[in-house]
């Protein structure tokens, strides 16, 4: 069987070393593997620190592939911290994630105030991202919070909001909920990491069909020690989706054009 090509593919979600958790690849190794596979770009992510500066170093050291980073607004960077966001954006950060392991459903941290409204500091952060034409991703916040973020983004003119792995069991958003968010202009990220059993893959495929390839991106969320390397996971993901009936043009839209647009490539 011919190896699946990754020419021009963009992976917006790779976890790399150095990190506080064991990782299978360093920033440099992830960039080298992506370049050698012909990929256009990768984005390296950490739950505990900004990766925008590291991305610049990796891209410069490796060459031949674009490397991006970003910032997750967990406790380690001060939580919902506009100053940290300003710095990350100034360093070229492409995505600002709302709390992951510092947010719902992990510790009860929320982006909503006591009245159920979006906190003003979140709007301040979103305005910074909007003005830089970058991406706000929802991290691990739930549907109610994501709905408030997406509605505010539409009101504020923030074009790039990405719902982070809605199929992840910790979030478990329904197709109905995804349709509601799509109606407000959100994009959706579906990860290979959550597709590795038949039920997970079939659910992702059904949700892609429900909201459309036009607002979907496909990533790996790989880099964990013991899991496949990101480039291997991306090839497996493409093959599995093609086997389930998605066309090469549809997969290309979700792995090339859509993520490239989010990154401004």
C-alpha atoms as a PDB file:
ATOM      1  CA  UNK A   1       0.000   0.000   0.000  1.00  0.00           C
ATOM      2  CA  UNK A   2       1.332   3.413  -0.961  1.00  0.00           C
ATOM      3  CA  UNK A   3       2.303   5.597   1.984  1.00  0.00           C
ATOM      4  CA  UNK A   4      -0.136   8.427   2.578  1.00  0.00           C
ATOM      5  CA  UNK A   5       1.433  11.751   1.686  1.00  0.00           C
ATOM      6  CA  UNK A   6       1.384  14.693   4.068  1.00  0.00           C
ATOM      7  CA  UNK A   7       2.446  17.373   1.589  1.00  0.00           C
ATOM      8  CA  UNK A   8       1.050  20.716   2.690  1.00  0.00           C
ATOM      9  CA  UNK A   9      -0.647  19.336   5.812  1.00  0.00           C
ATOM     10  CA  UNK A  10      -0.879  21.528   8.925  1.00  0.00           C
ATOM     11  CA  UNK A  11      -1.106  20.059  12.453  1.00  0.00           C
ATOM     12  CA  UNK A  12      -2.320  22.626  14.989  1.00  0.00           C
ATOM     13  CA  UNK A  13      -1.936  20.426  18.072  1.00  0.00           C
ATOM     14  CA  UNK A  14       1.342  18.685  18.978  1.00  0.00           C
ATOM     15  CA  UNK A  15       2.723  18.288  22.513  1.00  0.00           C
ATOM     16  CA  UNK A  16       6.517  18.443  22.635  1.00  0.00           C
ATOM     17  CA  UNK A  17       9.432  18.356  25.057  1.00  0.00           C
ATOM     18  CA  UNK A  18      10.641  20.018  27.164  1.00  0.00           C
ATOM     19  CA  UNK A  19       7.525  19.599  29.275  1.00  0.00           C
ATOM     20  CA  UNK A  20       6.406  18.541  32.728  1.00  0.00           C
ATOM     21  CA  UNK A  21       4.982  15.351  31.218  1.00  0.00           C
ATOM     22  CA  UNK A  22       6.897  12.730  29.214  1.00  0.00           C
ATOM     23  CA  UNK A  23       6.855  13.521  25.491  1.00  0.00           C
ATOM     24  CA  UNK A  24       7.875  11.452  22.490  1.00  0.00           C
ATOM     25  CA  UNK A  25       9.434  14.328  20.532  1.00  0.00           C
ATOM     26  CA  UNK A  26      11.218  17.579  21.213  1.00  0.00           C
ATOM     27  CA  UNK A  27      10.328  20.824  19.470  1.00  0.00           C
ATOM     28  CA  UNK A  28      13.211  20.263  17.059  1.00  0.00           C
ATOM     29  CA  UNK A  29      12.363  16.625  16.366  1.00  0.00           C
ATOM     30  CA  UNK A  30       8.692  17.429  15.701  1.00  0.00           C
ATOM     31  CA  UNK A  31       9.738  20.112  13.232  1.00  0.00           C
ATOM     32  CA  UNK A  32      12.251  17.826  11.517  1.00  0.00           C
ATOM     33  CA  UNK A  33       9.726  15.021  11.132  1.00  0.00           C
ATOM     34  CA  UNK A  34       7.099  17.398   9.764  1.00  0.00           C
ATOM     35  CA  UNK A  35       9.570  18.917   7.303  1.00  0.00           C
ATOM     36  CA  UNK A  36      10.725  15.501   6.118  1.00  0.00           C
ATOM     37  CA  UNK A  37       7.089  14.499   5.553  1.00  0.00           C
ATOM     38  CA  UNK A  38       6.489  17.589   3.422  1.00  0.00           C
ATOM     39  CA  UNK A  39       4.118  19.255   5.869  1.00  0.00           C
ATOM     40  CA  UNK A  40       3.538  22.991   5.666  1.00  0.00           C
ATOM     41  CA  UNK A  41       3.319  23.787   9.380  1.00  0.00           C
ATOM     42  CA  UNK A  42       2.943  22.499  12.907  1.00  0.00           C
ATOM     43  CA  UNK A  43       1.918  24.134  16.157  1.00  0.00           C
ATOM     44  CA  UNK A  44       3.524  23.066  19.414  1.00  0.00           C
ATOM     45  CA  UNK A  45       1.471  23.240  22.607  1.00  0.00           C
ATOM     46  CA  UNK A  46       2.157  23.097  26.335  1.00  0.00           C
ATOM     47  CA  UNK A  47      -0.379  23.183  29.148  1.00  0.00           C
ATOM     48  CA  UNK A  48       2.063  25.018  31.412  1.00  0.00           C
ATOM     49  CA  UNK A  49       4.093  27.542  29.404  1.00  0.00           C
ATOM     50  CA  UNK A  50       4.157  29.727  26.311  1.00  0.00           C
ATOM     51  CA  UNK A  51       5.551  27.968  23.248  1.00  0.00           C
ATOM     52  CA  UNK A  52       5.710  30.918  20.820  1.00  0.00           C
ATOM     53  CA  UNK A  53       9.388  31.625  21.496  1.00  0.00           C
ATOM     54  CA  UNK A  54      10.321  27.939  21.309  1.00  0.00           C
ATOM     55  CA  UNK A  55       8.547  27.686  17.971  1.00  0.00           C
ATOM     56  CA  UNK A  56      10.725  30.431  16.524  1.00  0.00           C
ATOM     57  CA  UNK A  57      13.859  28.597  17.622  1.00  0.00           C
ATOM     58  CA  UNK A  58      12.655  25.287  16.161  1.00  0.00           C
ATOM     59  CA  UNK A  59      11.704  26.852  12.834  1.00  0.00           C
ATOM     60  CA  UNK A  60      15.041  28.626  12.558  1.00  0.00           C
ATOM     61  CA  UNK A  61      17.024  25.520  13.508  1.00  0.00           C
ATOM     62  CA  UNK A  62      15.215  23.128  11.168  1.00  0.00           C
ATOM     63  CA  UNK A  63      14.070  25.191   8.185  1.00  0.00           C
ATOM     64  CA  UNK A  64      11.673  24.100   5.501  1.00  0.00           C
ATOM     65  CA  UNK A  65       8.593  24.037   7.720  1.00  0.00           C
ATOM     66  CA  UNK A  66       6.630  26.697   9.600  1.00  0.00           C
ATOM     67  CA  UNK A  67       6.502  26.208  13.367  1.00  0.00           C
ATOM     68  CA  UNK A  68       3.999  28.054  15.543  1.00  0.00           C
ATOM     69  CA  UNK A  69       3.317  28.203  19.247  1.00  0.00           C
ATOM     70  CA  UNK A  70       0.768  29.646  21.591  1.00  0.00           C
ATOM     71  CA  UNK A  71      -0.392  30.025  25.161  1.00  0.00           C
ATOM     72  CA  UNK A  72      -2.763  28.027  27.369  1.00  0.00           C
ATOM     73  CA  UNK A  73      -4.331  30.160  30.098  1.00  0.00           C
ATOM     74  CA  UNK A  74      -3.763  27.786  32.987  1.00  0.00           C
ATOM     75  CA  UNK A  75      -2.580  28.634  36.502  1.00  0.00           C
ATOM     76  CA  UNK A  76       1.089  28.364  35.522  1.00  0.00           C
ATOM     77  CA  UNK A  77       0.838  31.552  33.401  1.00  0.00           C
ATOM     78  CA  UNK A  78      -1.503  33.373  35.755  1.00  0.00           C
ATOM     79  CA  UNK A  79      -4.773  31.985  34.441  1.00  0.00           C
ATOM     80  CA  UNK A  80      -6.925  34.505  32.580  1.00  0.00           C
ATOM     81  CA  UNK A  81      -3.978  36.870  32.250  1.00  0.00           C
ATOM     82  CA  UNK A  82      -4.094  39.560  29.521  1.00  0.00           C
ATOM     83  CA  UNK A  83      -0.473  40.544  30.156  1.00  0.00           C
ATOM     84  CA  UNK A  84       0.697  37.008  29.377  1.00  0.00           C
ATOM     85  CA  UNK A  85      -1.491  37.034  26.257  1.00  0.00           C
ATOM     86  CA  UNK A  86       0.043  40.302  25.078  1.00  0.00           C
ATOM     87  CA  UNK A  87       3.526  38.837  25.437  1.00  0.00           C
ATOM     88  CA  UNK A  88       2.614  35.592  23.662  1.00  0.00           C
ATOM     89  CA  UNK A  89       1.060  37.472  20.752  1.00  0.00           C
ATOM     90  CA  UNK A  90       4.077  39.766  20.501  1.00  0.00           C
ATOM     91  CA  UNK A  91       6.249  36.644  20.249  1.00  0.00           C
ATOM     92  CA  UNK A  92       4.153  35.422  17.339  1.00  0.00           C
ATOM     93  CA  UNK A  93       1.808  33.138  19.260  1.00  0.00           C
ATOM     94  CA  UNK A  94      -0.873  31.841  16.912  1.00  0.00           C
ATOM     95  CA  UNK A  95      -3.415  30.388  19.345  1.00  0.00           C
ATOM     96  CA  UNK A  96      -4.546  31.392  22.819  1.00  0.00           C
ATOM     97  CA  UNK A  97      -6.366  28.547  24.564  1.00  0.00           C
ATOM     98  CA  UNK A  98      -8.766  29.130  27.410  1.00  0.00           C
ATOM     99  CA  UNK A  99      -8.047  26.955  30.470  1.00  0.00           C
ATOM    100  CA  UNK A 100      -7.425  23.262  29.912  1.00  0.00           C
ATOM    101  CA  UNK A 101      -6.273  21.468  33.058  1.00  0.00           C
ATOM    102  CA  UNK A 102      -6.941  24.650  35.002  1.00  0.00           C
ATOM    103  CA  UNK A 103     -10.551  24.903  33.871  1.00  0.00           C
ATOM    104  CA  UNK A 104     -13.849  23.079  33.670  1.00  0.00           C
ATOM    105  CA  UNK A 105     -14.302  20.185  34.137  1.00  0.00           C
ATOM    106  CA  UNK A 106     -11.068  19.715  36.089  1.00  0.00           C
ATOM    107  CA  UNK A 107     -11.016  22.245  38.932  1.00  0.00           C
ATOM    108  CA  UNK A 108     -14.172  24.286  38.564  1.00  0.00           C
ATOM    109  CA  UNK A 109     -12.415  27.360  37.139  1.00  0.00           C
ATOM    110  CA  UNK A 110     -14.828  29.065  34.772  1.00  0.00           C
ATOM    111  CA  UNK A 111     -14.817  31.885  32.235  1.00  0.00           C
ATOM    112  CA  UNK A 112     -18.284  32.952  33.424  1.00  0.00           C
ATOM    113  CA  UNK A 113     -19.100  35.274  36.307  1.00  0.00           C
ATOM    114  CA  UNK A 114     -21.622  34.661  39.094  1.00  0.00           C
ATOM    115  CA  UNK A 115     -24.458  35.864  36.834  1.00  0.00           C
ATOM    116  CA  UNK A 116     -23.472  33.432  34.080  1.00  0.00           C
ATOM    117  CA  UNK A 117     -22.026  36.167  31.866  1.00  0.00           C
ATOM    118  CA  UNK A 118     -18.620  36.061  30.204  1.00  0.00           C
ATOM    119  CA  UNK A 119     -16.045  37.601  32.509  1.00  0.00           C
ATOM    120  CA  UNK A 120     -14.779  40.992  31.408  1.00  0.00           C
ATOM    121  CA  UNK A 121     -11.175  39.775  31.491  1.00  0.00           C
ATOM    122  CA  UNK A 122     -12.058  37.103  28.922  1.00  0.00           C
ATOM    123  CA  UNK A 123     -13.457  39.791  26.634  1.00  0.00           C
ATOM    124  CA  UNK A 124     -10.236  41.756  27.132  1.00  0.00           C
ATOM    125  CA  UNK A 125      -8.189  38.713  26.121  1.00  0.00           C
ATOM    126  CA  UNK A 126     -10.423  38.068  23.118  1.00  0.00           C
ATOM    127  CA  UNK A 127     -10.027  41.667  21.983  1.00  0.00           C
ATOM    128  CA  UNK A 128      -6.238  41.296  22.062  1.00  0.00           C
ATOM    129  CA  UNK A 129      -6.444  38.142  19.955  1.00  0.00           C
ATOM    130  CA  UNK A 130      -8.903  39.744  17.549  1.00  0.00           C
ATOM    131  CA  UNK A 131      -6.666  42.761  17.001  1.00  0.00           C
ATOM    132  CA  UNK A 132      -3.728  40.459  16.237  1.00  0.00           C
ATOM    133  CA  UNK A 133      -5.892  38.305  13.899  1.00  0.00           C
ATOM    134  CA  UNK A 134      -4.998  35.150  15.805  1.00  0.00           C
ATOM    135  CA  UNK A 135      -7.083  32.258  17.167  1.00  0.00           C
ATOM    136  CA  UNK A 136      -8.963  31.797  20.439  1.00  0.00           C
ATOM    137  CA  UNK A 137      -9.410  28.114  21.263  1.00  0.00           C
ATOM    138  CA  UNK A 138     -11.818  26.920  23.931  1.00  0.00           C
ATOM    139  CA  UNK A 139      -9.497  24.520  25.727  1.00  0.00           C
ATOM    140  CA  UNK A 140     -11.411  22.281  28.115  1.00  0.00           C
ATOM    141  CA  UNK A 141     -14.364  24.539  28.896  1.00  0.00           C
ATOM    142  CA  UNK A 142     -17.860  23.108  28.451  1.00  0.00           C
ATOM    143  CA  UNK A 143     -20.733  23.893  26.131  1.00  0.00           C
ATOM    144  CA  UNK A 144     -22.310  26.703  28.149  1.00  0.00           C
ATOM    145  CA  UNK A 145     -18.995  28.507  28.457  1.00  0.00           C
ATOM    146  CA  UNK A 146     -18.070  27.853  24.826  1.00  0.00           C
ATOM    147  CA  UNK A 147     -21.426  29.247  23.727  1.00  0.00           C
ATOM    148  CA  UNK A 148     -20.741  32.474  25.627  1.00  0.00           C
ATOM    149  CA  UNK A 149     -17.279  32.745  24.067  1.00  0.00           C
ATOM    150  CA  UNK A 150     -18.541  32.135  20.529  1.00  0.00           C
ATOM    151  CA  UNK A 151     -21.398  34.619  20.929  1.00  0.00           C
ATOM    152  CA  UNK A 152     -19.017  37.268  22.259  1.00  0.00           C
ATOM    153  CA  UNK A 153     -16.590  36.606  19.411  1.00  0.00           C
ATOM    154  CA  UNK A 154     -19.316  37.215  16.857  1.00  0.00           C
ATOM    155  CA  UNK A 155     -20.345  40.410  18.624  1.00  0.00           C
ATOM    156  CA  UNK A 156     -16.736  41.626  18.824  1.00  0.00           C
ATOM    157  CA  UNK A 157     -15.713  40.739  15.284  1.00  0.00           C
ATOM    158  CA  UNK A 158     -13.298  37.983  16.317  1.00  0.00           C
ATOM    159  CA  UNK A 159     -13.265  35.689  13.270  1.00  0.00           C
ATOM    160  CA  UNK A 160     -11.192  32.776  14.514  1.00  0.00           C
ATOM    161  CA  UNK A 161     -12.669  30.720  17.362  1.00  0.00           C
ATOM    162  CA  UNK A 162     -11.745  27.049  17.540  1.00  0.00           C
ATOM    163  CA  UNK A 163     -13.728  24.555  19.635  1.00  0.00           C
ATOM    164  CA  UNK A 164     -11.058  22.245  21.049  1.00  0.00           C
ATOM    165  CA  UNK A 165     -11.659  18.481  20.564  1.00  0.00           C
ATOM    166  CA  UNK A 166     -15.418  18.452  21.250  1.00  0.00           C
ATOM    167  CA  UNK A 167     -15.369  14.653  20.935  1.00  0.00           C
ATOM    168  CA  UNK A 168     -13.039  14.296  23.944  1.00  0.00           C
ATOM    169  CA  UNK A 169     -14.857  12.318  26.682  1.00  0.00           C
ATOM    170  CA  UNK A 170     -14.198  15.077  29.194  1.00  0.00           C
ATOM    171  CA  UNK A 171     -16.307  17.439  27.061  1.00  0.00           C
ATOM    172  CA  UNK A 172     -18.510  15.076  25.057  1.00  0.00           C
ATOM    173  CA  UNK A 173     -20.365  17.755  23.110  1.00  0.00           C
ATOM    174  CA  UNK A 174     -23.378  16.512  21.190  1.00  0.00           C
ATOM    175  CA  UNK A 175     -23.957  16.965  17.483  1.00  0.00           C
ATOM    176  CA  UNK A 176     -26.851  19.299  18.327  1.00  0.00           C
ATOM    177  CA  UNK A 177     -24.515  21.443  20.423  1.00  0.00           C
ATOM    178  CA  UNK A 178     -21.945  21.540  17.629  1.00  0.00           C
ATOM    179  CA  UNK A 179     -24.572  22.678  15.154  1.00  0.00           C
ATOM    180  CA  UNK A 180     -25.532  25.509  17.506  1.00  0.00           C
ATOM    181  CA  UNK A 181     -21.904  26.647  17.791  1.00  0.00           C
ATOM    182  CA  UNK A 182     -21.394  26.333  14.036  1.00  0.00           C
ATOM    183  CA  UNK A 183     -24.336  28.668  13.525  1.00  0.00           C
ATOM    184  CA  UNK A 184     -22.392  31.303  15.469  1.00  0.00           C
ATOM    185  CA  UNK A 185     -19.314  30.943  13.269  1.00  0.00           C
ATOM    186  CA  UNK A 186     -17.102  28.564  15.278  1.00  0.00           C
ATOM    187  CA  UNK A 187     -14.509  26.175  13.880  1.00  0.00           C
ATOM    188  CA  UNK A 188     -14.092  22.666  15.285  1.00  0.00           C
ATOM    189  CA  UNK A 189     -10.923  20.703  15.965  1.00  0.00           C
ATOM    190  CA  UNK A 190     -11.164  16.915  15.876  1.00  0.00           C
ATOM    191  CA  UNK A 191      -8.101  15.036  17.124  1.00  0.00           C
ATOM    192  CA  UNK A 192      -6.606  11.738  16.056  1.00  0.00           C
ATOM    193  CA  UNK A 193      -5.909  10.977  19.721  1.00  0.00           C
ATOM    194  CA  UNK A 194      -9.667  10.606  20.303  1.00  0.00           C
ATOM    195  CA  UNK A 195     -10.308   8.592  17.138  1.00  0.00           C
ATOM    196  CA  UNK A 196      -8.313   5.462  17.778  1.00  0.00           C
ATOM    197  CA  UNK A 197     -11.256   3.173  18.465  1.00  0.00           C
ATOM    198  CA  UNK A 198     -14.020   2.578  15.896  1.00  0.00           C
ATOM    199  CA  UNK A 199     -16.699   4.321  17.956  1.00  0.00           C
ATOM    200  CA  UNK A 200     -14.573   7.429  18.387  1.00  0.00           C
ATOM    201  CA  UNK A 201     -13.700   7.592  14.702  1.00  0.00           C
ATOM    202  CA  UNK A 202     -17.302   7.082  13.622  1.00  0.00           C
ATOM    203  CA  UNK A 203     -18.469   9.801  15.995  1.00  0.00           C
ATOM    204  CA  UNK A 204     -15.907  12.268  14.648  1.00  0.00           C
ATOM    205  CA  UNK A 205     -16.922  11.452  11.081  1.00  0.00           C
ATOM    206  CA  UNK A 206     -20.604  11.950  11.899  1.00  0.00           C
ATOM    207  CA  UNK A 207     -19.880  15.301  13.551  1.00  0.00           C
ATOM    208  CA  UNK A 208     -17.826  16.430  10.566  1.00  0.00           C
ATOM    209  CA  UNK A 209     -20.767  15.595   8.329  1.00  0.00           C
ATOM    210  CA  UNK A 210     -23.144  17.449  10.660  1.00  0.00           C
ATOM    211  CA  UNK A 211     -21.296  20.789  10.670  1.00  0.00           C
ATOM    212  CA  UNK A 212     -19.385  20.565   7.385  1.00  0.00           C
ATOM    213  CA  UNK A 213     -15.755  20.382   6.343  1.00  0.00           C
ATOM    214  CA  UNK A 214     -15.752  24.164   5.824  1.00  0.00           C
ATOM    215  CA  UNK A 215     -15.522  24.787   9.578  1.00  0.00           C
ATOM    216  CA  UNK A 216     -13.489  21.748  10.629  1.00  0.00           C
ATOM    217  CA  UNK A 217      -9.786  21.174  11.214  1.00  0.00           C
ATOM    218  CA  UNK A 218      -8.128  17.838  11.894  1.00  0.00           C
ATOM    219  CA  UNK A 219      -5.153  17.579  14.235  1.00  0.00           C
ATOM    220  CA  UNK A 220      -3.306  14.807  16.041  1.00  0.00           C
ATOM    221  CA  UNK A 221      -2.985  15.989  19.686  1.00  0.00           C
ATOM    222  CA  UNK A 222      -0.019  13.619  19.811  1.00  0.00           C
ATOM    223  CA  UNK A 223       3.411  13.805  21.391  1.00  0.00           C
ATOM    224  CA  UNK A 224       2.672  11.763  24.513  1.00  0.00           C
ATOM    225  CA  UNK A 225       5.279   9.149  25.376  1.00  0.00           C
ATOM    226  CA  UNK A 226       4.064   5.749  24.241  1.00  0.00           C
ATOM    227  CA  UNK A 227       1.722   7.055  21.553  1.00  0.00           C
ATOM    228  CA  UNK A 228       2.459   7.176  17.808  1.00  0.00           C
ATOM    229  CA  UNK A 229       4.611  10.012  16.561  1.00  0.00           C
ATOM    230  CA  UNK A 230       2.575  12.942  15.234  1.00  0.00           C
ATOM    231  CA  UNK A 231       3.416  12.308  11.565  1.00  0.00           C
ATOM    232  CA  UNK A 232       2.489   8.636  11.965  1.00  0.00           C
ATOM    233  CA  UNK A 233      -0.777   9.578  13.628  1.00  0.00           C
ATOM    234  CA  UNK A 234      -1.643  12.034  10.892  1.00  0.00           C
ATOM    235  CA  UNK A 235      -1.105   9.395   8.204  1.00  0.00           C
ATOM    236  CA  UNK A 236      -3.248   6.908  10.124  1.00  0.00           C
ATOM    237  CA  UNK A 237      -5.959   9.540  10.599  1.00  0.00           C
ATOM    238  CA  UNK A 238      -6.115  10.345   6.893  1.00  0.00           C
ATOM    239  CA  UNK A 239      -6.295   6.678   5.974  1.00  0.00           C
ATOM    240  CA  UNK A 240      -9.057   5.961   8.486  1.00  0.00           C
ATOM    241  CA  UNK A 241     -11.190   8.900   7.363  1.00  0.00           C
ATOM    242  CA  UNK A 242     -10.801   7.961   3.710  1.00  0.00           C
ATOM    243  CA  UNK A 243     -11.874   4.414   4.575  1.00  0.00           C
ATOM    244  CA  UNK A 244     -15.042   5.823   6.165  1.00  0.00           C
ATOM    245  CA  UNK A 245     -15.983   7.631   2.991  1.00  0.00           C
ATOM    246  CA  UNK A 246     -14.600  11.145   3.284  1.00  0.00           C
ATOM    247  CA  UNK A 247     -13.042  12.291   0.021  1.00  0.00           C
ATOM    248  CA  UNK A 248      -9.448  13.373  -0.445  1.00  0.00           C
ATOM    249  CA  UNK A 249     -10.698  16.876  -1.224  1.00  0.00           C
ATOM    250  CA  UNK A 250     -12.654  16.983   2.044  1.00  0.00           C
ATOM    251  CA  UNK A 251      -9.717  15.711   4.082  1.00  0.00           C
ATOM    252  CA  UNK A 252      -7.436  18.179   2.324  1.00  0.00           C
ATOM    253  CA  UNK A 253      -9.731  21.061   3.201  1.00  0.00           C
ATOM    254  CA  UNK A 254      -9.643  20.093   6.897  1.00  0.00           C
ATOM    255  CA  UNK A 255      -5.913  19.342   7.085  1.00  0.00           C
ATOM    256  CA  UNK A 256      -4.546  21.953   4.706  1.00  0.00           C
ATOM    257  CA  UNK A 257      -6.702  24.928   3.731  1.00  0.00           C
ATOM    258  CA  UNK A 258      -8.661  25.475   6.949  1.00  0.00           C
ATOM    259  CA  UNK A 259      -5.766  25.312   9.428  1.00  0.00           C
ATOM    260  CA  UNK A 260      -3.563  27.339   7.085  1.00  0.00           C
ATOM    261  CA  UNK A 261      -6.224  30.064   7.043  1.00  0.00           C
ATOM    262  CA  UNK A 262      -6.430  30.062  10.831  1.00  0.00           C
ATOM    263  CA  UNK A 263      -2.660  30.556  10.981  1.00  0.00           C
ATOM    264  CA  UNK A 264      -2.675  33.274   8.335  1.00  0.00           C
ATOM    265  CA  UNK A 265      -0.559  31.283   5.892  1.00  0.00           C
END
